[in-house]
Amino acid sequence: MTFNYKNFSCQAEKYKLDDKSFIIKFFDKSKEHSESEIKDYVDVDAGYGYISLKFKGEDALLSGFLDTSIFTDENMIDSVIEFVESLSPHAKEAYIPHHVKTVKFTGSVQYNGED
């Protein structure tokens, strides 16, 4: 699926947690490796962020983090929240408080198979 906001779009993948709850990963599909590319040195892209919609009874909690270099303003983040909630038929009538952290990546830890 694709998330769109004004002139920006990126891929979004849904990972099921249980019957109602899920996590959405936002990323650039062109940076994803194919099976044949997983050899020698592989720089695995972590994506642009993750949002979790976790139901607790009839209501839910929405949380996660988004990269500030991609998700640049509050309106864009509100659009992400609306997008995630729109993916659940249970969200329409649910009370869903949310807390989305914006993060600036400053480094990474990686393993690429080389010692």
Protein backbone atom coordinates (compact mmCIF):
# COMPACT_ATOMS: atom_id res chain seq x y z
CA MET A 1 0.00 0.00 0.00
CA THR A 2 1.07 3.60 -0.42
CA PHE A 3 0.93 6.60 1.91
CA ASN A 4 0.42 9.91 0.07
CA TYR A 5 0.65 13.45 1.40
CA LYS A 6 0.74 16.39 -1.00
CA ASN A 7 3.80 15.77 -3.23
CA PHE A 8 5.23 12.96 -1.06
CA SER A 9 4.52 9.25 -1.21
CA CYS A 10 6.13 6.17 0.30
CA GLN A 11 5.31 2.52 0.75
CA ALA A 12 3.60 1.23 3.87
CA GLU A 13 3.51 -2.39 5.00
CA LYS A 14 1.06 -3.76 7.55
CA TYR A 15 2.22 -6.34 10.09
CA LYS A 16 -0.59 -8.08 11.98
CA LEU A 17 -0.26 -8.35 15.76
CA ASP A 18 -3.63 -9.97 16.55
CA ASP A 19 -7.21 -9.90 15.19
CA LYS A 20 -7.46 -6.10 15.46
CA SER A 21 -3.97 -4.72 16.14
CA PHE A 22 -1.14 -4.05 13.68
CA ILE A 23 2.05 -2.14 12.98
CA ILE A 24 2.68 -0.06 9.86
CA LYS A 25 6.20 0.41 8.48
CA PHE A 26 6.82 3.45 6.24
CA PHE A 27 9.69 3.07 3.78
CA ASP A 28 11.16 3.61 0.31
CA LYS A 29 10.69 0.43 -1.70
CA SER A 30 13.63 1.27 -3.97
CA LYS A 31 15.94 0.81 -0.96
CA GLU A 32 14.66 -2.72 -0.23
CA HIS A 33 17.01 -5.55 -1.27
CA SER A 34 15.96 -8.49 -3.39
CA GLU A 35 16.86 -12.02 -2.34
CA SER A 36 19.77 -12.14 -4.80
CA GLU A 37 21.26 -8.95 -3.29
CA ILE A 38 21.61 -10.43 0.19
CA LYS A 39 25.29 -11.34 0.03
CA ASP A 40 28.59 -9.79 1.01
CA TYR A 41 27.92 -6.22 2.18
CA VAL A 42 24.25 -5.28 2.66
CA ASP A 43 23.19 -1.87 3.99
CA VAL A 44 19.71 -2.59 5.36
CA ASP A 45 17.47 0.48 5.34
CA ALA A 46 15.38 0.85 8.52
CA GLY A 47 12.67 2.88 6.81
CA TYR A 48 11.02 6.15 7.77
CA GLY A 49 9.23 5.01 10.90
CA TYR A 50 6.74 2.65 12.48
CA ILE A 51 3.26 3.25 13.89
CA SER A 52 1.43 0.74 16.09
CA LEU A 53 -2.35 0.63 16.44
CA LYS A 54 -3.00 -1.67 19.40
CA PHE A 55 -6.54 -2.40 20.51
CA LYS A 56 -7.38 -2.77 24.18
CA GLY A 57 -10.97 -3.97 24.20
CA GLU A 58 -13.08 -1.63 22.04
CA ASP A 59 -10.57 1.24 22.22
CA ALA A 60 -6.99 1.48 21.01
CA LEU A 61 -3.63 3.13 21.53
CA LEU A 62 -1.68 4.57 18.60
CA SER A 63 2.05 5.09 19.08
CA GLY A 64 5.30 5.04 17.24
CA PHE A 65 8.01 7.16 15.74
CA LEU A 66 8.62 8.98 12.47
CA ASP A 67 11.83 10.34 10.96
CA THR A 68 11.80 14.18 11.04
CA SER A 69 13.79 14.37 7.80
CA ILE A 70 10.80 12.79 6.01
CA PHE A 71 7.79 13.71 8.15
CA THR A 72 8.49 17.42 8.38
CA ASP A 73 5.40 19.04 9.91
CA GLU A 74 2.47 18.40 12.21
CA ASN A 75 -0.08 18.30 9.37
CA MET A 76 1.87 15.52 7.70
CA ILE A 77 2.00 13.56 10.96
CA ASP A 78 -1.76 14.07 11.43
CA SER A 79 -2.19 12.65 7.92
CA VAL A 80 -0.15 9.57 8.92
CA ILE A 81 -2.38 9.07 11.97
CA GLU A 82 -5.53 9.33 9.84
CA PHE A 83 -4.02 6.91 7.30
CA VAL A 84 -3.24 4.30 9.98
CA GLU A 85 -6.67 4.62 11.60
CA SER A 86 -8.33 4.28 8.18
CA LEU A 87 -6.77 0.81 7.81
CA SER A 88 -8.91 -0.58 10.64
CA PRO A 89 -12.68 -0.99 10.48
CA HIS A 90 -12.61 -1.10 14.30
CA ALA A 91 -11.05 2.36 14.61
CA LYS A 92 -14.12 4.27 13.44
CA GLU A 93 -15.98 3.99 16.76
CA ALA A 94 -12.94 3.55 19.01
CA TYR A 95 -11.40 6.09 21.36
CA ILE A 96 -7.74 6.26 20.22
CA PRO A 97 -5.32 8.44 22.14
CA HIS A 98 -2.01 8.74 20.34
CA HIS A 99 1.61 9.61 20.94
CA VAL A 100 3.91 9.75 17.94
CA LYS A 101 7.53 10.67 18.53
CA THR A 102 9.49 12.46 15.87
CA VAL A 103 13.09 11.37 15.80
CA LYS A 104 16.27 12.54 14.16
CA PHE A 105 18.60 9.67 13.39
CA THR A 106 22.14 10.35 14.54
CA GLY A 107 23.77 6.97 14.00
CA SER A 108 23.18 3.28 13.65
CA VAL A 109 24.39 -0.12 14.75
CA GLN A 110 24.81 -2.71 12.05
CA TYR A 111 26.13 -6.15 11.27
CA ASN A 112 26.93 -6.96 7.66
CA GLY A 113 28.57 -10.37 7.97
CA GLU A 114 32.10 -9.04 7.87
CA ASP A 115 34.46 -9.27 10.84
